[in-house]
């Protein structure tokens, strides 16, 4: 014999389920925007539309967005207000990427500094894609994604500091790469820890 629940219980249960689905979907959309924006920065460096200094400023903005995502998902949920605030930040970052790529400045895509920055931003694309795929497959919970986004923010911050003077040196890149390697291992361990979102 089937169990009958009061209508109010069913409505409450559906509300909880839909808010959890909204948080996961919103977080996945934000993750896709992270990937897209990192790809646009990398493409700007490769084409010479961005200087290393401009890319550093854009990475600083990505750091703020990653930190917002980490804070918003820390409790495992993203409210509509948090999503709206994050959308505004993502839109502003998108506009800034466009402005920087279409201003009068141009970078030397073949310079050692630009090549280093391109390699670092490519790693950002790869790692953000791995996080996005983990969310889609259910290998990552929102809380796990929050911790990984905090790691991505640290890396973007290192990149921004390294490029602040317009030149990314070999020593600075080695420091960034060590952080990226730690983050890569963290992503792997988290995706394979047996918890599902």
N, C-alpha and C. Protein backbone atom coordinates (compact mmCIF):
# COMPACT_ATOMS: atom_id res chain seq x y z
N UNK A 1 0.84 -1.17 0.00
CA UNK A 1 0.00 0.00 0.00
C UNK A 1 0.90 1.25 0.00
N UNK A 2 0.69 2.19 -0.93
CA UNK A 2 1.53 3.38 -1.00
C UNK A 2 1.32 4.28 0.20
N UNK A 3 2.38 4.96 0.58
CA UNK A 3 2.31 5.91 1.71
C UNK A 3 1.79 7.23 1.18
N UNK A 4 0.85 7.82 1.91
CA UNK A 4 0.28 9.11 1.52
C UNK A 4 0.86 10.19 2.42
N UNK A 5 1.37 11.24 1.77
CA UNK A 5 1.94 12.37 2.49
C UNK A 5 1.01 13.56 2.36
N UNK A 6 0.97 14.41 3.38
CA UNK A 6 0.16 15.64 3.26
C UNK A 6 0.69 16.50 2.11
N UNK A 7 -0.19 17.21 1.47
CA UNK A 7 0.18 18.06 0.34
C UNK A 7 1.29 19.05 0.71
N UNK A 8 1.25 19.62 1.89
CA UNK A 8 2.26 20.60 2.31
C UNK A 8 3.66 19.96 2.39
N UNK A 9 3.71 18.70 2.79
CA UNK A 9 4.99 18.00 2.86
C UNK A 9 5.56 17.80 1.46
N UNK A 10 4.70 17.42 0.52
CA UNK A 10 5.15 17.24 -0.86
C UNK A 10 5.63 18.54 -1.48
N UNK A 11 4.90 19.64 -1.22
CA UNK A 11 5.29 20.94 -1.76
C UNK A 11 6.65 21.35 -1.18
N UNK A 12 6.83 21.15 0.12
CA UNK A 12 8.11 21.50 0.76
C UNK A 12 9.25 20.65 0.19
N UNK A 13 9.00 19.37 0.00
CA UNK A 13 10.02 18.48 -0.55
C UNK A 13 10.40 18.89 -1.98
N UNK A 14 9.41 19.22 -2.79
CA UNK A 14 9.69 19.69 -4.15
C UNK A 14 10.48 20.99 -4.14
N UNK A 15 10.16 21.87 -3.20
CA UNK A 15 10.89 23.14 -3.09
C UNK A 15 12.35 22.91 -2.76
N UNK A 16 12.63 22.01 -1.83
CA UNK A 16 14.01 21.70 -1.46
C UNK A 16 14.74 21.08 -2.66
N UNK A 17 14.07 20.16 -3.33
CA UNK A 17 14.71 19.50 -4.48
C UNK A 17 14.98 20.51 -5.60
N UNK A 18 14.05 21.41 -5.85
CA UNK A 18 14.25 22.37 -6.94
C UNK A 18 15.31 23.40 -6.58
N UNK A 19 15.43 23.79 -5.30
CA UNK A 19 16.47 24.74 -4.92
C UNK A 19 17.85 24.08 -5.02
N UNK A 20 17.94 22.80 -4.69
CA UNK A 20 19.22 22.09 -4.85
C UNK A 20 19.57 21.97 -6.33
N UNK A 21 18.57 21.70 -7.16
CA UNK A 21 18.82 21.62 -8.60
C UNK A 21 19.22 22.98 -9.15
N UNK A 22 18.58 24.05 -8.65
CA UNK A 22 18.94 25.40 -9.08
C UNK A 22 20.38 25.71 -8.71
N UNK A 23 20.79 25.38 -7.50
CA UNK A 23 22.16 25.66 -7.06
C UNK A 23 23.16 24.93 -7.95
N UNK A 24 22.88 23.67 -8.25
CA UNK A 24 23.80 22.90 -9.10
C UNK A 24 23.83 23.48 -10.52
N UNK A 25 22.66 23.79 -11.07
CA UNK A 25 22.60 24.33 -12.43
C UNK A 25 23.26 25.70 -12.49
N UNK A 26 22.98 26.57 -11.54
CA UNK A 26 23.57 27.90 -11.52
C UNK A 26 25.08 27.80 -11.41
N UNK A 27 25.56 26.92 -10.54
CA UNK A 27 27.00 26.74 -10.38
C UNK A 27 27.63 26.21 -11.66
N UNK A 28 26.94 25.32 -12.34
CA UNK A 28 27.47 24.79 -13.61
C UNK A 28 27.55 25.88 -14.67
N UNK A 29 26.54 26.73 -14.72
CA UNK A 29 26.56 27.84 -15.68
C UNK A 29 27.70 28.80 -15.38
N UNK A 30 27.90 29.09 -14.10
CA UNK A 30 29.01 29.97 -13.72
C UNK A 30 30.34 29.33 -14.09
N UNK A 31 30.44 28.04 -13.91
CA UNK A 31 31.67 27.33 -14.25
C UNK A 31 31.94 27.42 -15.75
N UNK A 32 30.91 27.30 -16.57
CA UNK A 32 31.07 27.42 -18.01
C UNK A 32 31.53 28.83 -18.37
N UNK A 33 31.00 29.82 -17.68
CA UNK A 33 31.44 31.20 -17.95
C UNK A 33 32.90 31.37 -17.56
N UNK A 34 33.33 30.73 -16.47
CA UNK A 34 34.75 30.78 -16.08
C UNK A 34 35.62 30.24 -17.21
N UNK A 35 35.24 29.10 -17.74
CA UNK A 35 36.01 28.48 -18.83
C UNK A 35 36.04 29.43 -20.03
N UNK A 36 34.88 29.96 -20.41
CA UNK A 36 34.80 30.85 -21.58
C UNK A 36 35.68 32.08 -21.41
N UNK A 37 35.63 32.68 -20.23
CA UNK A 37 36.40 33.91 -20.02
C UNK A 37 37.90 33.62 -20.00
N UNK A 38 38.31 32.50 -19.42
CA UNK A 38 39.73 32.15 -19.46
C UNK A 38 40.18 31.91 -20.90
N UNK A 39 39.32 31.27 -21.69
CA UNK A 39 39.66 31.03 -23.10
C UNK A 39 39.80 32.35 -23.86
N UNK A 40 38.95 33.32 -23.56
CA UNK A 40 39.03 34.62 -24.22
C UNK A 40 40.31 35.36 -23.85
N UNK A 41 40.72 35.23 -22.60
CA UNK A 41 41.97 35.86 -22.16
C UNK A 41 43.15 35.20 -22.88
N UNK A 42 43.13 33.87 -22.91
CA UNK A 42 44.22 33.15 -23.59
C UNK A 42 44.27 33.54 -25.07
N UNK A 43 43.12 33.58 -25.74
CA UNK A 43 43.07 33.94 -27.16
C UNK A 43 43.60 35.35 -27.37
N UNK A 44 43.29 36.27 -26.46
CA UNK A 44 43.79 37.64 -26.56
C UNK A 44 45.29 37.72 -26.44
N UNK A 45 45.86 36.90 -25.56
CA UNK A 45 47.32 36.85 -25.44
C UNK A 45 47.95 36.28 -26.70
N UNK A 46 47.36 35.20 -27.21
CA UNK A 46 47.92 34.55 -28.41
C UNK A 46 47.86 35.44 -29.64
N UNK A 47 46.81 36.24 -29.75
CA UNK A 47 46.66 37.10 -30.93
C UNK A 47 47.41 38.42 -30.77
N UNK A 48 47.86 38.73 -29.57
CA UNK A 48 48.51 40.01 -29.33
C UNK A 48 47.52 41.12 -28.99
N UNK A 49 46.24 40.79 -28.88
CA UNK A 49 45.23 41.78 -28.52
C UNK A 49 45.34 42.18 -27.05
N UNK A 50 45.98 41.33 -26.24
CA UNK A 50 46.19 41.62 -24.82
C UNK A 50 47.68 41.63 -24.52
N UNK A 51 48.08 42.59 -23.70
CA UNK A 51 49.43 42.57 -23.16
C UNK A 51 49.44 41.69 -21.91
N UNK A 52 50.60 41.33 -21.43
CA UNK A 52 50.68 40.55 -20.19
C UNK A 52 50.08 41.33 -19.02
N UNK A 53 50.34 42.64 -18.99
CA UNK A 53 49.79 43.47 -17.90
C UNK A 53 48.26 43.46 -17.94
N UNK A 54 47.68 43.62 -19.14
CA UNK A 54 46.22 43.59 -19.26
C UNK A 54 45.68 42.23 -18.82
N UNK A 55 46.33 41.17 -19.26
CA UNK A 55 45.89 39.82 -18.86
C UNK A 55 45.98 39.67 -17.35
N UNK A 56 47.00 40.25 -16.73
CA UNK A 56 47.12 40.20 -15.27
C UNK A 56 45.96 40.89 -14.58
N UNK A 57 45.56 42.05 -15.10
CA UNK A 57 44.40 42.75 -14.51
C UNK A 57 43.13 41.92 -14.67
N UNK A 58 42.99 41.28 -15.83
CA UNK A 58 41.81 40.44 -16.05
C UNK A 58 41.83 39.22 -15.14
N UNK A 59 43.02 38.67 -14.88
CA UNK A 59 43.13 37.53 -13.96
C UNK A 59 42.78 37.96 -12.53
N UNK A 60 43.10 39.20 -12.19
CA UNK A 60 42.71 39.70 -10.87
C UNK A 60 41.20 39.73 -10.73
N UNK A 61 40.52 40.10 -11.81
CA UNK A 61 39.06 40.10 -11.81
C UNK A 61 38.52 38.67 -11.71
N UNK A 62 39.18 37.73 -12.40
CA UNK A 62 38.77 36.33 -12.31
C UNK A 62 38.95 35.80 -10.89
N UNK A 63 40.00 36.27 -10.23
CA UNK A 63 40.22 35.88 -8.82
C UNK A 63 39.03 36.29 -7.97
N UNK A 64 38.56 37.53 -8.14
CA UNK A 64 37.40 37.99 -7.35
C UNK A 64 36.17 37.13 -7.63
N UNK A 65 35.97 36.77 -8.90
CA UNK A 65 34.80 35.95 -9.25
C UNK A 65 34.94 34.56 -8.64
N UNK A 66 36.13 33.96 -8.73
CA UNK A 66 36.35 32.64 -8.13
C UNK A 66 36.10 32.68 -6.63
N UNK A 67 36.55 33.76 -5.97
CA UNK A 67 36.31 33.89 -4.53
C UNK A 67 34.82 34.03 -4.22
N UNK A 68 34.09 34.76 -5.07
CA UNK A 68 32.64 34.88 -4.88
C UNK A 68 31.97 33.51 -5.00
N UNK A 69 32.37 32.74 -6.02
CA UNK A 69 31.79 31.41 -6.21
C UNK A 69 32.11 30.52 -5.00
N UNK A 70 33.34 30.61 -4.52
CA UNK A 70 33.73 29.79 -3.36
C UNK A 70 32.87 30.14 -2.15
N UNK A 71 32.67 31.43 -1.90
CA UNK A 71 31.84 31.86 -0.77
C UNK A 71 30.39 31.43 -0.94
N UNK A 72 29.86 31.63 -2.16
CA UNK A 72 28.44 31.36 -2.40
C UNK A 72 28.12 29.87 -2.29
N UNK A 73 29.06 29.01 -2.65
CA UNK A 73 28.79 27.57 -2.62
C UNK A 73 29.27 26.89 -1.34
N UNK A 74 29.88 27.66 -0.44
CA UNK A 74 30.44 27.08 0.78
C UNK A 74 29.41 26.28 1.57
N UNK A 75 28.17 26.77 1.60
CA UNK A 75 27.13 26.05 2.34
C UNK A 75 26.42 25.01 1.48
N UNK A 76 26.88 24.83 0.25
CA UNK A 76 26.29 23.83 -0.64
C UNK A 76 25.14 24.35 -1.47
N UNK A 77 24.78 25.63 -1.28
CA UNK A 77 23.64 26.21 -1.99
C UNK A 77 24.02 27.57 -2.55
N UNK A 78 23.34 27.97 -3.60
CA UNK A 78 23.49 29.31 -4.15
C UNK A 78 22.11 29.94 -4.21
N UNK A 79 21.94 31.02 -3.50
CA UNK A 79 20.63 31.69 -3.49
C UNK A 79 20.46 32.49 -4.77
N UNK A 80 19.23 32.90 -5.03
CA UNK A 80 18.95 33.71 -6.21
C UNK A 80 19.70 35.04 -6.12
N UNK A 81 19.80 35.61 -4.94
CA UNK A 81 20.54 36.86 -4.76
C UNK A 81 22.02 36.69 -5.03
N UNK A 82 22.58 35.58 -4.54
CA UNK A 82 23.99 35.30 -4.80
C UNK A 82 24.23 35.11 -6.29
N UNK A 83 23.31 34.42 -6.95
CA UNK A 83 23.43 34.20 -8.39
C UNK A 83 23.38 35.51 -9.15
N UNK A 84 22.48 36.40 -8.75
CA UNK A 84 22.35 37.70 -9.41
C UNK A 84 23.65 38.50 -9.26
N UNK A 85 24.21 38.52 -8.05
CA UNK A 85 25.45 39.25 -7.79
C UNK A 85 26.59 38.67 -8.62
N UNK A 86 26.65 37.35 -8.70
CA UNK A 86 27.69 36.68 -9.48
C UNK A 86 27.52 36.95 -10.98
N UNK A 87 26.28 36.94 -11.45
CA UNK A 87 26.02 37.26 -12.86
C UNK A 87 26.50 38.67 -13.20
N UNK A 88 26.26 39.62 -12.30
CA UNK A 88 26.71 40.99 -12.54
C UNK A 88 28.24 41.05 -12.62
N UNK A 89 28.91 40.33 -11.73
CA UNK A 89 30.38 40.30 -11.75
C UNK A 89 30.89 39.64 -13.03
N UNK A 90 30.25 38.56 -13.43
CA UNK A 90 30.65 37.87 -14.67
C UNK A 90 30.43 38.78 -15.88
N UNK A 91 29.31 39.50 -15.90
CA UNK A 91 29.03 40.41 -17.01
C UNK A 91 30.05 41.53 -17.08
N UNK A 92 30.41 42.07 -15.92
CA UNK A 92 31.42 43.14 -15.88
C UNK A 92 32.76 42.62 -16.37
N UNK A 93 33.14 41.41 -15.95
CA UNK A 93 34.41 40.82 -16.38
C UNK A 93 34.40 40.59 -17.89
N UNK A 94 33.29 40.13 -18.41
CA UNK A 94 33.17 39.90 -19.85
C UNK A 94 33.36 41.21 -20.61
N UNK A 95 32.72 42.27 -20.14
CA UNK A 95 32.86 43.59 -20.79
C UNK A 95 34.30 44.07 -20.70
N UNK A 96 34.96 43.84 -19.56
CA UNK A 96 36.35 44.27 -19.41
C UNK A 96 37.28 43.51 -20.35
N UNK A 97 37.03 42.23 -20.54
CA UNK A 97 37.84 41.46 -21.48
C UNK A 97 37.68 42.05 -22.88
N UNK A 98 36.43 42.34 -23.26
CA UNK A 98 36.18 42.92 -24.58
C UNK A 98 36.93 44.25 -24.74
N UNK A 99 36.80 45.14 -23.73
CA UNK A 99 37.44 46.46 -23.80
C UNK A 99 38.96 46.33 -23.93
N UNK A 100 39.54 45.46 -23.11
CA UNK A 100 41.00 45.32 -23.13
C UNK A 100 41.49 44.73 -24.46
N UNK A 101 40.72 43.83 -25.03
CA UNK A 101 41.12 43.22 -26.30
C UNK A 101 40.97 44.19 -27.47
N UNK A 102 40.14 45.21 -27.32
CA UNK A 102 39.85 46.11 -28.43
C UNK A 102 40.36 47.53 -28.18
N UNK A 103 41.27 47.69 -27.23
CA UNK A 103 41.84 49.02 -27.03
C UNK A 103 43.08 49.19 -27.92
N UNK A 104 43.77 50.30 -27.76
CA UNK A 104 44.90 50.62 -28.64
C UNK A 104 46.16 49.84 -28.31
N UNK A 105 46.20 49.22 -27.14
CA UNK A 105 47.41 48.49 -26.75
C UNK A 105 47.47 47.14 -27.45
N UNK A 106 48.67 46.72 -27.73
CA UNK A 106 48.84 45.37 -28.28
C UNK A 106 50.05 44.73 -27.63
N UNK A 107 49.96 43.43 -27.49
CA UNK A 107 51.05 42.68 -26.85
C UNK A 107 51.88 41.96 -27.90
N UNK A 108 53.01 41.49 -27.45
CA UNK A 108 53.90 40.70 -28.30
C UNK A 108 53.66 39.24 -27.95
N UNK A 109 52.83 38.59 -28.75
CA UNK A 109 52.44 37.21 -28.46
C UNK A 109 53.62 36.25 -28.44
N UNK A 110 54.70 36.60 -29.11
CA UNK A 110 55.86 35.72 -29.18
C UNK A 110 56.88 35.95 -28.09
N UNK A 111 56.67 36.98 -27.24
CA UNK A 111 57.65 37.26 -26.19
C UNK A 111 57.62 36.16 -25.14
N UNK A 112 58.72 35.99 -24.44
CA UNK A 112 58.81 34.96 -23.40
C UNK A 112 57.77 35.20 -22.31
N UNK A 113 57.57 36.46 -21.95
CA UNK A 113 56.59 36.78 -20.91
C UNK A 113 55.18 36.39 -21.34
N UNK A 114 54.81 36.75 -22.57
CA UNK A 114 53.48 36.41 -23.07
C UNK A 114 53.31 34.91 -23.18
N UNK A 115 54.35 34.22 -23.64
CA UNK A 115 54.30 32.75 -23.75
C UNK A 115 54.06 32.12 -22.38
N UNK A 116 54.73 32.65 -21.36
CA UNK A 116 54.53 32.11 -19.99
C UNK A 116 53.10 32.35 -19.54
N UNK A 117 52.61 33.56 -19.77
CA UNK A 117 51.24 33.90 -19.36
C UNK A 117 50.25 33.04 -20.13
N UNK A 118 50.48 32.83 -21.42
CA UNK A 118 49.59 31.99 -22.22
C UNK A 118 49.52 30.58 -21.65
N UNK A 119 50.67 30.02 -21.28
CA UNK A 119 50.70 28.66 -20.73
C UNK A 119 49.95 28.60 -19.40
N UNK A 120 50.11 29.63 -18.58
CA UNK A 120 49.42 29.64 -17.28
C UNK A 120 47.91 29.75 -17.45
N UNK A 121 47.48 30.61 -18.36
CA UNK A 121 46.03 30.78 -18.59
C UNK A 121 45.45 29.51 -19.21
N UNK A 122 46.23 28.83 -20.07
CA UNK A 122 45.76 27.56 -20.63
C UNK A 122 45.52 26.54 -19.52
N UNK A 123 46.40 26.52 -18.52
CA UNK A 123 46.17 25.62 -17.38
C UNK A 123 44.89 25.99 -16.65
N UNK A 124 44.60 27.30 -16.54
CA UNK A 124 43.35 27.73 -15.92
C UNK A 124 42.16 27.16 -16.69
N UNK A 125 42.22 27.25 -18.00
CA UNK A 125 41.14 26.72 -18.85
C UNK A 125 40.97 25.23 -18.56
N UNK A 126 42.08 24.50 -18.56
CA UNK A 126 42.02 23.05 -18.35
C UNK A 126 41.44 22.71 -16.98
N UNK A 127 41.89 23.41 -15.95
CA UNK A 127 41.43 23.07 -14.60
C UNK A 127 39.99 23.48 -14.38
N UNK A 128 39.59 24.64 -14.91
CA UNK A 128 38.19 25.03 -14.79
C UNK A 128 37.30 24.05 -15.54
N UNK A 129 37.78 23.54 -16.69
CA UNK A 129 37.01 22.54 -17.45
C UNK A 129 36.89 21.25 -16.65
N UNK A 130 37.96 20.84 -15.98
CA UNK A 130 37.89 19.62 -15.16
C UNK A 130 36.89 19.79 -14.01
N UNK A 131 36.86 20.96 -13.40
CA UNK A 131 35.89 21.21 -12.33
C UNK A 131 34.47 21.18 -12.91
N UNK A 132 34.29 21.84 -14.06
CA UNK A 132 32.98 21.84 -14.71
C UNK A 132 32.52 20.42 -15.02
N UNK A 133 33.41 19.61 -15.57
CA UNK A 133 33.06 18.23 -15.90
C UNK A 133 32.72 17.43 -14.65
N UNK A 134 33.42 17.68 -13.57
CA UNK A 134 33.13 17.00 -12.30
C UNK A 134 31.76 17.37 -11.76
N UNK A 135 31.36 18.63 -11.96
CA UNK A 135 30.03 19.05 -11.53
C UNK A 135 28.96 18.38 -12.39
N UNK A 136 29.18 18.37 -13.70
CA UNK A 136 28.20 17.76 -14.61
C UNK A 136 28.02 16.28 -14.33
N UNK A 137 29.11 15.58 -14.06
CA UNK A 137 29.04 14.13 -13.85
C UNK A 137 28.56 13.77 -12.45
N UNK A 138 28.54 14.76 -11.55
CA UNK A 138 28.16 14.48 -10.17
C UNK A 138 29.33 14.06 -9.30
N UNK A 139 30.54 14.06 -9.87
CA UNK A 139 31.73 13.69 -9.08
C UNK A 139 32.07 14.76 -8.05
N UNK A 140 31.59 15.99 -8.25
CA UNK A 140 31.87 17.08 -7.33
C UNK A 140 30.57 17.61 -6.74
N UNK A 141 30.55 17.78 -5.44
CA UNK A 141 29.43 18.44 -4.77
C UNK A 141 29.66 19.94 -4.85
N UNK A 142 28.65 20.72 -4.52
CA UNK A 142 28.80 22.18 -4.50
C UNK A 142 29.85 22.60 -3.48
N UNK A 143 29.87 21.95 -2.33
CA UNK A 143 30.87 22.31 -1.30
C UNK A 143 32.29 22.01 -1.80
N UNK A 144 32.45 20.89 -2.48
CA UNK A 144 33.77 20.55 -3.04
C UNK A 144 34.16 21.56 -4.11
N UNK A 145 33.19 21.95 -4.93
CA UNK A 145 33.44 22.96 -5.94
C UNK A 145 33.86 24.27 -5.29
N UNK A 146 33.24 24.61 -4.18
CA UNK A 146 33.60 25.82 -3.44
C UNK A 146 35.08 25.81 -3.07
N UNK A 147 35.54 24.70 -2.52
CA UNK A 147 36.96 24.61 -2.13
C UNK A 147 37.88 24.68 -3.35
N UNK A 148 37.49 24.06 -4.44
CA UNK A 148 38.31 24.09 -5.65
C UNK A 148 38.34 25.49 -6.26
N UNK A 149 37.23 26.20 -6.20
CA UNK A 149 37.20 27.57 -6.71
C UNK A 149 38.10 28.48 -5.88
N UNK A 150 38.18 28.23 -4.58
CA UNK A 150 39.11 29.01 -3.75
C UNK A 150 40.54 28.77 -4.21
N UNK A 151 40.86 27.54 -4.60
CA UNK A 151 42.18 27.23 -5.14
C UNK A 151 42.43 27.93 -6.46
N UNK A 152 41.41 27.97 -7.31
CA UNK A 152 41.55 28.67 -8.59
C UNK A 152 41.77 30.16 -8.36
N UNK A 153 41.12 30.71 -7.33
CA UNK A 153 41.31 32.13 -7.01
C UNK A 153 42.75 32.40 -6.59
N UNK A 154 43.34 31.50 -5.82
CA UNK A 154 44.74 31.69 -5.41
C UNK A 154 45.66 31.72 -6.64
N UNK A 155 45.42 30.82 -7.58
CA UNK A 155 46.26 30.77 -8.79
C UNK A 155 46.08 32.05 -9.62
N UNK A 156 44.84 32.48 -9.82
CA UNK A 156 44.59 33.71 -10.58
C UNK A 156 45.26 34.90 -9.90
N UNK A 157 45.26 34.91 -8.58
CA UNK A 157 45.92 35.98 -7.83
C UNK A 157 47.42 35.99 -8.07
N UNK A 158 48.02 34.80 -8.08
CA UNK A 158 49.46 34.70 -8.37
C UNK A 158 49.76 35.21 -9.78
N UNK A 159 48.92 34.84 -10.73
CA UNK A 159 49.12 35.29 -12.11
C UNK A 159 49.00 36.81 -12.20
N UNK A 160 48.01 37.37 -11.51
CA UNK A 160 47.81 38.82 -11.54
C UNK A 160 49.02 39.54 -10.95
N UNK A 161 49.52 39.05 -9.83
CA UNK A 161 50.70 39.68 -9.22
C UNK A 161 51.92 39.57 -10.12
N UNK A 162 52.10 38.41 -10.75
CA UNK A 162 53.27 38.21 -11.62
C UNK A 162 53.23 39.15 -12.81
N UNK A 163 52.06 39.41 -13.36
CA UNK A 163 51.94 40.23 -14.57
C UNK A 163 51.72 41.71 -14.28
N UNK A 164 51.66 42.09 -13.02
CA UNK A 164 51.36 43.48 -12.67
C UNK A 164 52.35 44.46 -13.27
N UNK A 165 53.61 44.06 -13.41
CA UNK A 165 54.61 44.96 -13.99
C UNK A 165 54.73 44.78 -15.50
N UNK A 166 53.87 43.96 -16.09
CA UNK A 166 53.88 43.77 -17.54
C UNK A 166 54.80 42.66 -18.02
N UNK A 167 55.46 41.99 -17.09
CA UNK A 167 56.40 40.95 -17.49
C UNK A 167 56.31 39.78 -16.51
N UNK A 168 56.08 38.58 -17.01
CA UNK A 168 56.05 37.38 -16.18
C UNK A 168 57.40 36.69 -16.33
N UNK A 169 58.16 36.65 -15.24
CA UNK A 169 59.48 36.05 -15.27
C UNK A 169 59.43 34.54 -15.09
N UNK A 170 60.56 33.89 -15.38
CA UNK A 170 60.64 32.43 -15.27
C UNK A 170 60.43 31.98 -13.83
N UNK A 171 60.98 32.69 -12.86
CA UNK A 171 60.82 32.33 -11.45
C UNK A 171 59.35 32.45 -11.03
N UNK A 172 58.71 33.52 -11.48
CA UNK A 172 57.30 33.71 -11.16
C UNK A 172 56.47 32.58 -11.76
N UNK A 173 56.80 32.20 -12.99
CA UNK A 173 56.04 31.12 -13.62
C UNK A 173 56.23 29.81 -12.87
N UNK A 174 57.43 29.54 -12.40
CA UNK A 174 57.65 28.29 -11.64
C UNK A 174 56.78 28.27 -10.39
N UNK A 175 56.66 29.40 -9.73
CA UNK A 175 55.81 29.49 -8.53
C UNK A 175 54.35 29.24 -8.91
N UNK A 176 53.91 29.85 -10.01
CA UNK A 176 52.53 29.64 -10.47
C UNK A 176 52.32 28.17 -10.82
N UNK A 177 53.28 27.57 -11.50
CA UNK A 177 53.15 26.17 -11.91
C UNK A 177 53.09 25.23 -10.70
N UNK A 178 53.84 25.54 -9.65
CA UNK A 178 53.75 24.71 -8.43
C UNK A 178 52.33 24.77 -7.87
N UNK A 179 51.75 25.98 -7.83
CA UNK A 179 50.37 26.12 -7.37
C UNK A 179 49.40 25.38 -8.27
N UNK A 180 49.61 25.46 -9.57
CA UNK A 180 48.74 24.75 -10.52
C UNK A 180 48.86 23.25 -10.36
N UNK A 181 50.07 22.75 -10.11
CA UNK A 181 50.25 21.31 -9.90
C UNK A 181 49.53 20.85 -8.64
N UNK A 182 49.64 21.63 -7.56
CA UNK A 182 48.91 21.28 -6.32
C UNK A 182 47.41 21.26 -6.58
N UNK A 183 46.93 22.29 -7.30
CA UNK A 183 45.50 22.37 -7.60
C UNK A 183 45.07 21.20 -8.47
N UNK A 184 45.88 20.82 -9.44
CA UNK A 184 45.54 19.69 -10.31
C UNK A 184 45.38 18.41 -9.49
N UNK A 185 46.30 18.18 -8.56
CA UNK A 185 46.19 16.99 -7.70
C UNK A 185 44.95 17.07 -6.81
N UNK A 186 44.65 18.26 -6.32
CA UNK A 186 43.47 18.46 -5.47
C UNK A 186 42.20 18.15 -6.26
N UNK A 187 42.14 18.60 -7.51
CA UNK A 187 40.96 18.33 -8.36
C UNK A 187 40.81 16.82 -8.55
N UNK A 188 41.92 16.16 -8.86
CA UNK A 188 41.86 14.71 -9.08
C UNK A 188 41.37 13.99 -7.83
N UNK A 189 41.98 14.30 -6.69
CA UNK A 189 41.59 13.61 -5.43
C UNK A 189 40.12 13.86 -5.11
N UNK A 190 39.68 15.10 -5.28
CA UNK A 190 38.29 15.44 -4.93
C UNK A 190 37.31 14.75 -5.86
N UNK A 191 37.64 14.68 -7.15
CA UNK A 191 36.73 14.03 -8.10
C UNK A 191 36.66 12.52 -7.87
N UNK A 192 37.67 11.95 -7.23
CA UNK A 192 37.72 10.51 -7.05
C UNK A 192 37.59 10.07 -5.59
N UNK A 193 36.96 10.90 -4.76
CA UNK A 193 36.85 10.57 -3.33
C UNK A 193 35.59 9.76 -3.01
N UNK A 194 34.79 9.42 -3.99
CA UNK A 194 33.61 8.59 -3.75
C UNK A 194 32.37 9.35 -3.34
N UNK A 195 32.47 10.68 -3.18
CA UNK A 195 31.27 11.48 -2.87
C UNK A 195 30.67 11.97 -4.16
N UNK A 196 29.35 12.09 -4.17
CA UNK A 196 28.68 12.52 -5.40
C UNK A 196 27.74 13.67 -5.09
N UNK A 197 27.66 14.63 -6.06
CA UNK A 197 26.82 15.81 -5.90
C UNK A 197 25.42 15.59 -6.37
